[in-house]
Amino acid sequence: MPQTFAAAAAVELAVVERSGFVESRHSGSAIVLSPDGVVVERLGDVTAPILPRSSLKPVQALACLTAGAPLEDERLGLATASHTGTDRHVSVVRDILDAARLGEEDLACPPAWPTDQSARDEMVRDHYEPARIRMNCSGKHAAMLLTCSVAGWDHRGYLDPEHPLQVHIRDVVERLIGEKASATAIDGCGAPVYAMSLSGLAKAIHRIGTASLTSPFALHRSAGTLVRAVREHPWTIEGPGRPDTVVTERLGVFAKTGAEGVLVMVAPNGTTVALKMLDGSGRAATAVALRLLERAGALSSADVSDTMTRLPLSVSGGGRDVGAIRPAF
């Protein structure tokens, strides 16, 4: 059975401290690439396969662009996002579906409640049910449907790994990671997700995050457009107060979280981090990635420390802060 790296191949990346006592530890692997793509730091096994989960979305969105999907600005941000399901997010997803001349019923992601608490509370008060368009991957799915529409592919069965859309996405994925996908799995939203090394994922995100809008290569120009869309509309990538949005707004970092403790980040100067928490918890991932970028000289200590105060890293006891989740280095 294909599997990710073992505990013996991981290193301690973060700890949870309560009243001066280290209560829990998060182990995993991480890799840091310089602005020109050279490996500057490895922590743990970065060659074993991992499932990137939603950290693959920038590559999937780029594949939709290269297949001709007319996505830009907020629509492109939503195509890359794991959004929190606010009305503002949903409005843009509906715009993408309208462009495809399709409706919410054509989305193949499962119905879900928004992860934004205010939006969820409002839906409950108004007696709504979970909806496909509120699912955090609905932007990606709408973009996939739009791609099918413009490419002339039947949108029915668009999540089948053998559908022309998914064949195209896999081709783009393998070109960017520089290796063959070692396994195909089904993500939480129903779309195919491909196993790859953490170093391969880092390479792909670095290529996207450092792409030039003026490149002679269409793939690179499209990648530059994608990163610009997220940086100019950071609310799209996740939601107000959420980690990916916070670091994009405050630091200009291009960040994309994935389930099961995966995260990728590209600093404004192109320094790139990819990491995987072995226990699947993502609660320390943003803090670890920011400190790795700081250690590589891509972000200032003051900016990172200030941003960390705006992340959900505190440990509470008796209604007050008594500790923190923090990087182990």
Protein backbone atom coordinates (compact mmCIF):
# COMPACT_ATOMS: atom_id res chain seq x y z
CA MET A 1 0.00 0.00 0.00
CA PRO A 2 1.39 3.46 -0.89
CA GLN A 3 2.11 5.50 2.21
CA THR A 4 3.76 8.64 3.45
CA PHE A 5 6.96 8.86 5.52
CA ALA A 6 7.19 7.08 8.86
CA ALA A 7 7.52 8.73 12.27
CA ALA A 8 11.20 7.78 12.40
CA ALA A 9 11.81 9.91 9.29
CA ALA A 10 10.07 13.00 10.71
CA VAL A 11 11.48 15.79 12.88
CA GLU A 12 9.85 17.85 15.59
CA LEU A 13 8.45 21.01 13.99
CA ALA A 14 6.21 22.47 16.71
CA VAL A 15 5.19 22.12 20.33
CA VAL A 16 2.12 23.03 22.35
CA GLU A 17 3.01 24.68 25.63
CA ARG A 18 0.57 25.01 28.54
CA SER A 19 1.60 26.88 31.69
CA GLY A 20 5.26 26.26 30.88
CA PHE A 21 4.68 22.54 30.28
CA VAL A 22 5.18 21.08 26.79
CA GLU A 23 1.93 19.18 26.41
CA SER A 24 2.05 18.03 22.77
CA ARG A 25 4.52 17.81 19.92
CA HIS A 26 3.98 17.98 16.15
CA SER A 27 6.47 16.14 13.95
CA GLY A 28 6.72 16.33 10.19
CA SER A 29 8.89 17.26 7.26
CA ALA A 30 9.63 20.56 5.53
CA ILE A 31 11.70 21.92 2.68
CA VAL A 32 12.81 25.46 1.89
CA LEU A 33 13.83 26.63 -1.58
CA SER A 34 15.77 29.82 -2.30
CA PRO A 35 14.40 32.44 -4.75
CA ASP A 36 16.26 30.67 -7.56
CA GLY A 37 14.92 27.25 -6.56
CA VAL A 38 17.94 25.82 -4.75
CA VAL A 39 17.25 23.74 -1.62
CA VAL A 40 18.45 25.71 1.41
CA GLU A 41 16.94 23.59 4.18
CA ARG A 42 15.49 20.12 4.64
CA LEU A 43 13.80 18.90 7.79
CA GLY A 44 12.80 15.26 7.81
CA ASP A 45 12.07 13.13 4.76
CA VAL A 46 11.11 15.29 1.78
CA THR A 47 11.33 12.52 -0.82
CA ALA A 48 8.60 10.19 0.46
CA PRO A 49 5.16 10.62 -1.12
CA ILE A 50 2.55 12.86 0.46
CA LEU A 51 -0.96 13.81 -0.61
CA PRO A 52 -0.94 17.62 -1.03
CA ARG A 53 -4.69 17.90 -0.58
CA SER A 54 -5.85 21.50 -1.12
CA SER A 55 -2.26 22.74 -1.36
CA LEU A 56 -2.53 21.37 -4.91
CA LYS A 57 -5.24 23.90 -5.80
CA PRO A 58 -2.85 26.48 -7.30
CA VAL A 59 -1.68 23.83 -9.76
CA GLN A 60 -5.24 22.71 -10.52
CA ALA A 61 -6.31 26.32 -11.08
CA LEU A 62 -3.31 26.88 -13.35
CA ALA A 63 -4.30 23.81 -15.35
CA CYS A 64 -7.78 25.30 -15.82
CA LEU A 65 -6.18 28.51 -17.13
CA THR A 66 -3.97 26.63 -19.58
CA ALA A 67 -7.05 24.79 -20.89
CA GLY A 68 -8.63 28.15 -21.72
CA ALA A 69 -10.80 28.99 -18.71
CA PRO A 70 -11.43 32.78 -18.67
CA LEU A 71 -10.55 33.28 -15.00
CA GLU A 72 -9.04 36.43 -13.56
CA ASP A 73 -9.03 38.61 -10.44
CA GLU A 74 -11.55 37.43 -7.81
CA ARG A 75 -12.75 34.53 -9.93
CA LEU A 76 -9.20 33.24 -10.21
CA GLY A 77 -8.69 33.71 -6.47
CA LEU A 78 -11.77 31.59 -5.78
CA ALA A 79 -10.60 28.92 -8.23
CA THR A 80 -7.47 28.57 -6.05
CA ALA A 81 -9.23 28.84 -2.71
CA SER A 82 -10.40 26.83 0.26
CA HIS A 83 -12.91 29.52 1.08
CA THR A 84 -15.01 29.90 4.23
CA GLY A 85 -18.36 30.05 2.45
CA THR A 86 -19.34 33.66 3.09
CA ASP A 87 -21.96 35.32 0.89
CA ARG A 88 -19.15 37.24 -0.82
CA HIS A 89 -17.33 34.02 -1.71
CA VAL A 90 -20.53 32.36 -2.90
CA SER A 91 -21.39 35.34 -5.12
CA VAL A 92 -18.13 34.94 -7.05
CA VAL A 93 -18.59 31.18 -7.36
CA ARG A 94 -22.04 31.83 -8.85
CA ASP A 95 -20.44 34.22 -11.34
CA ILE A 96 -18.10 31.45 -12.48
CA LEU A 97 -21.02 29.04 -12.84
CA ASP A 98 -22.99 31.66 -14.79
CA ALA A 99 -20.05 32.04 -17.18
CA ALA A 100 -20.17 28.27 -17.72
CA ARG A 101 -23.98 28.43 -18.20
CA LEU A 102 -24.33 25.89 -15.43
CA GLY A 103 -25.85 25.92 -11.95
CA GLU A 104 -25.18 24.86 -8.39
CA GLU A 105 -26.73 21.48 -9.12
CA ASP A 106 -23.85 20.76 -11.53
CA LEU A 107 -21.25 21.03 -8.78
CA ALA A 108 -20.07 17.55 -7.80
CA CYS A 109 -18.56 18.56 -4.45
CA PRO A 110 -20.60 17.47 -1.41
CA PRO A 111 -23.01 19.83 0.38
CA ALA A 112 -21.48 21.56 3.39
CA TRP A 113 -22.00 24.28 5.94
CA PRO A 114 -19.78 27.35 5.57
CA THR A 115 -16.78 27.32 7.89
CA ASP A 116 -17.34 31.02 8.54
CA GLN A 117 -19.30 31.05 11.79
CA SER A 118 -21.40 34.12 10.97
CA ALA A 119 -22.43 32.71 7.60
CA ARG A 120 -23.28 29.37 9.20
CA ASP A 121 -25.31 31.00 11.95
CA GLU A 122 -27.28 33.01 9.40
CA MET A 123 -28.05 29.89 7.37
CA VAL A 124 -29.24 28.07 10.49
CA ARG A 125 -31.46 31.01 11.52
CA ASP A 126 -32.98 31.10 8.05
CA HIS A 127 -33.54 27.30 8.06
CA TYR A 128 -31.20 26.60 5.15
CA GLU A 129 -29.58 23.22 4.58
CA PRO A 130 -25.90 22.54 3.80
CA ALA A 131 -25.19 23.49 0.18
CA ARG A 132 -22.66 22.47 -2.45
CA ILE A 133 -21.83 26.08 -3.23
CA ARG A 134 -20.92 26.69 0.43
CA MET A 135 -18.39 23.85 0.41
CA ASN A 136 -14.85 25.23 0.68
CA CYS A 137 -13.82 23.70 -2.66
CA SER A 138 -16.78 25.02 -4.68
CA GLY A 139 -14.62 27.66 -6.37
CA LYS A 140 -12.28 24.99 -7.69
CA HIS A 141 -15.21 22.90 -8.87
CA ALA A 142 -16.87 25.86 -10.58
CA ALA A 143 -13.58 26.60 -12.35
CA MET A 144 -13.39 22.99 -13.50
CA LEU A 145 -16.93 23.21 -14.89
CA LEU A 146 -16.08 26.46 -16.69
CA THR A 147 -12.98 24.79 -18.15
CA CYS A 148 -15.11 21.93 -19.49
CA SER A 149 -17.50 24.45 -21.03
CA VAL A 150 -14.85 26.42 -22.92
CA ALA A 151 -12.84 23.34 -23.92
CA GLY A 152 -15.88 21.53 -25.30
CA TRP A 153 -15.66 18.68 -22.80
CA ASP A 154 -18.79 17.08 -21.34
CA HIS A 155 -19.06 18.46 -17.83
CA ARG A 156 -20.78 15.31 -16.62
CA GLY A 157 -18.32 13.07 -14.84
CA TYR A 158 -15.75 15.87 -14.66
CA LEU A 159 -14.22 14.34 -11.50
CA ASP A 160 -13.46 11.00 -13.10
CA PRO A 161 -9.65 10.60 -13.23
CA GLU A 162 -10.01 9.57 -16.89
CA HIS A 163 -12.10 12.62 -17.84
CA PRO A 164 -10.22 14.89 -20.30
CA LEU A 165 -10.14 17.67 -17.70
CA GLN A 166 -8.48 15.48 -15.05
CA VAL A 167 -6.07 13.99 -17.58
CA HIS A 168 -5.02 17.54 -18.48
CA ILE A 169 -4.68 18.53 -14.81
CA ARG A 170 -2.52 15.49 -14.07
CA ASP A 171 -0.29 16.36 -17.03
CA VAL A 172 0.21 19.90 -15.72
CA VAL A 173 0.82 18.57 -12.20
CA GLU A 174 3.53 16.17 -13.36
CA ARG A 175 5.19 18.81 -15.52
CA LEU A 176 5.44 21.21 -12.58
CA ILE A 177 6.50 18.73 -9.88
CA GLY A 178 9.08 17.18 -12.19
CA GLU A 179 8.08 13.60 -11.37
CA LYS A 180 5.35 11.07 -12.03
CA ALA A 181 2.51 10.98 -9.52
CA SER A 182 3.03 7.86 -7.42
CA ALA A 183 -0.66 7.32 -6.64
CA THR A 184 -4.09 8.77 -7.33
CA ALA A 185 -6.51 9.30 -4.45
CA ILE A 186 -9.87 11.02 -4.02
CA ASP A 187 -9.79 14.30 -2.11
CA GLY A 188 -12.44 15.32 0.42
CA CYS A 189 -14.31 17.25 -2.27
CA GLY A 190 -14.35 14.28 -4.64
CA ALA A 191 -11.66 15.49 -7.06
CA PRO A 192 -8.58 13.40 -7.85
CA VAL A 193 -5.46 14.29 -5.83
CA TYR A 194 -2.03 12.96 -6.68
CA ALA A 195 0.70 11.61 -4.42
CA MET A 196 4.06 13.32 -4.85
CA SER A 197 7.17 14.08 -2.86
CA LEU A 198 7.22 17.16 -0.66
CA SER A 199 10.19 18.38 -2.70
CA GLY A 200 8.13 17.97 -5.89
CA LEU A 201 5.27 19.97 -4.41
CA ALA A 202 7.72 22.68 -3.33
CA LYS A 203 9.18 22.80 -6.84
CA ALA A 204 5.73 23.22 -8.41
CA ILE A 205 4.65 25.99 -6.02
CA HIS A 206 8.01 27.74 -6.43
CA ARG A 207 7.56 27.74 -10.20
CA ILE A 208 4.10 29.23 -9.83
CA GLY A 209 5.05 31.70 -7.12
CA THR A 210 8.04 33.10 -9.00
CA ALA A 211 6.49 33.19 -12.47
CA SER A 212 6.68 36.44 -14.42
CA LEU A 213 3.70 38.18 -15.97
CA THR A 214 5.95 39.14 -18.87
CA SER A 215 7.41 35.68 -19.48
CA PRO A 216 7.57 34.53 -23.11
CA PHE A 217 5.96 31.29 -21.95
CA ALA A 218 2.17 31.22 -21.64
CA LEU A 219 2.25 28.79 -18.69
CA HIS A 220 4.45 31.18 -16.69
CA ARG A 221 2.32 34.21 -17.57
CA SER A 222 -0.77 32.35 -16.42
CA ALA A 223 0.96 31.40 -13.16
CA GLY A 224 1.95 35.02 -12.60
CA THR A 225 -1.65 36.07 -13.17
CA LEU A 226 -2.85 33.52 -10.61
CA VAL A 227 -0.47 34.68 -7.87
CA ARG A 228 -1.28 38.33 -8.57
CA ALA A 229 -5.02 37.59 -8.27
CA VAL A 230 -4.58 36.06 -4.82
CA ARG A 231 -2.25 38.79 -3.58
CA GLU A 232 -4.59 41.53 -4.81
CA HIS A 233 -7.69 39.78 -3.42
CA PRO A 234 -6.45 37.92 -0.32
CA TRP A 235 -9.98 37.49 1.09
CA THR A 236 -10.65 35.01 -1.70
CA ILE A 237 -8.01 32.44 -0.76
CA GLU A 238 -9.62 31.60 2.58
CA GLY A 239 -11.55 34.29 4.46
CA PRO A 240 -11.36 37.21 6.89
CA GLY A 241 -9.13 36.44 9.87
CA ARG A 242 -8.09 33.05 8.50
CA PRO A 243 -4.37 32.16 8.31
CA ASP A 244 -3.86 32.11 4.53
CA THR A 245 -5.69 35.41 4.15
CA VAL A 246 -3.87 37.00 7.10
CA VAL A 247 -0.35 36.19 5.87
CA THR A 248 -1.21 37.23 2.32
CA GLU A 249 -2.66 40.56 3.49
CA ARG A 250 0.09 41.41 5.96
CA LEU A 251 3.20 39.91 4.39
CA GLY A 252 2.45 39.54 0.69
CA VAL A 253 3.07 35.82 1.09
CA PHE A 254 1.29 33.47 -1.32
CA ALA A 255 -0.01 30.74 1.00
CA LYS A 256 -2.17 27.68 0.46
CA THR A 257 -3.14 25.31 3.22
CA GLY A 258 -4.10 21.71 2.57
CA ALA A 259 -5.86 19.21 4.80
CA GLU A 260 -3.88 16.77 6.95
CA GLY A 261 -1.23 19.30 7.92
CA VAL A 262 0.06 20.32 4.49
CA LEU A 263 1.01 23.93 3.68
CA VAL A 264 2.90 25.79 0.97
CA MET A 265 4.11 29.40 1.04
CA VAL A 266 6.01 31.67 -1.33
CA ALA A 267 7.49 34.89 0.07
CA PRO A 268 7.55 38.05 -2.07
CA ASN A 269 11.21 37.39 -2.96
CA GLY A 270 10.41 33.85 -4.15
CA THR A 271 11.67 31.86 -1.16
CA THR A 272 9.36 28.84 -0.90
CA VAL A 273 8.35 26.50 1.92
CA ALA A 274 6.41 23.25 1.73
CA LEU A 275 5.66 21.20 4.83
CA LYS A 276 3.64 18.24 6.05
CA MET A 277 2.67 17.62 9.69
CA LEU A 278 2.74 13.86 10.11
CA ASP A 279 -0.18 13.74 12.57
CA GLY A 280 -2.40 15.63 10.10
CA SER A 281 -2.90 18.64 12.35
CA GLY A 282 -2.49 21.99 10.66
CA ARG A 283 -2.75 24.18 13.77
CA ALA A 284 1.00 24.90 13.88
CA ALA A 285 1.71 24.81 10.15
CA THR A 286 1.45 28.54 9.42
CA ALA A 287 3.67 29.48 12.36
CA VAL A 288 6.31 26.93 11.34
CA ALA A 289 6.30 28.04 7.70
CA LEU A 290 6.62 31.71 8.64
CA ARG A 291 9.59 31.03 10.92
CA LEU A 292 11.25 28.98 8.18
CA LEU A 293 10.85 31.91 5.77
CA GLU A 294 12.24 34.22 8.43
CA ARG A 295 15.20 31.88 9.02
CA ALA A 296 15.90 31.92 5.28
CA GLY A 297 16.00 35.73 5.34
CA ALA A 298 12.83 36.15 3.28
CA LEU A 299 10.77 37.84 6.02
CA SER A 300 11.78 40.11 8.89
CA SER A 301 11.54 38.89 12.47
CA ALA A 302 9.42 41.89 13.43
CA ASP A 303 6.90 41.29 10.65
CA VAL A 304 6.65 37.58 11.42
CA SER A 305 6.22 38.17 15.15
CA ASP A 306 3.51 40.75 14.55
CA THR A 307 1.67 38.44 12.15
CA MET A 308 1.87 35.54 14.61
CA THR A 309 -0.14 37.58 17.13
CA ARG A 310 -3.00 37.57 14.63
CA LEU A 311 -3.06 33.78 14.22
CA PRO A 312 -4.98 31.28 16.40
CA LEU A 313 -1.92 30.10 18.33
CA SER A 314 -2.89 30.74 21.95
CA VAL A 315 -3.67 27.97 24.44
CA SER A 316 -6.45 28.82 26.91
CA GLY A 317 -7.19 27.74 30.43
CA GLY A 318 -9.94 29.07 32.65
CA GLY A 319 -10.92 31.63 30.04
CA ARG A 320 -7.46 33.18 29.66
CA ASP A 321 -4.28 32.55 27.68
CA VAL A 322 -1.94 30.17 29.49
CA GLY A 323 0.34 29.03 26.68
CA ALA A 324 0.92 28.88 22.95
CA ILE A 325 1.45 26.73 19.91
CA ARG A 326 4.94 27.55 18.67
CA PRO A 327 7.64 26.27 16.31
CA ALA A 328 10.08 23.88 17.96
CA PHE A 329 13.15 25.62 16.53
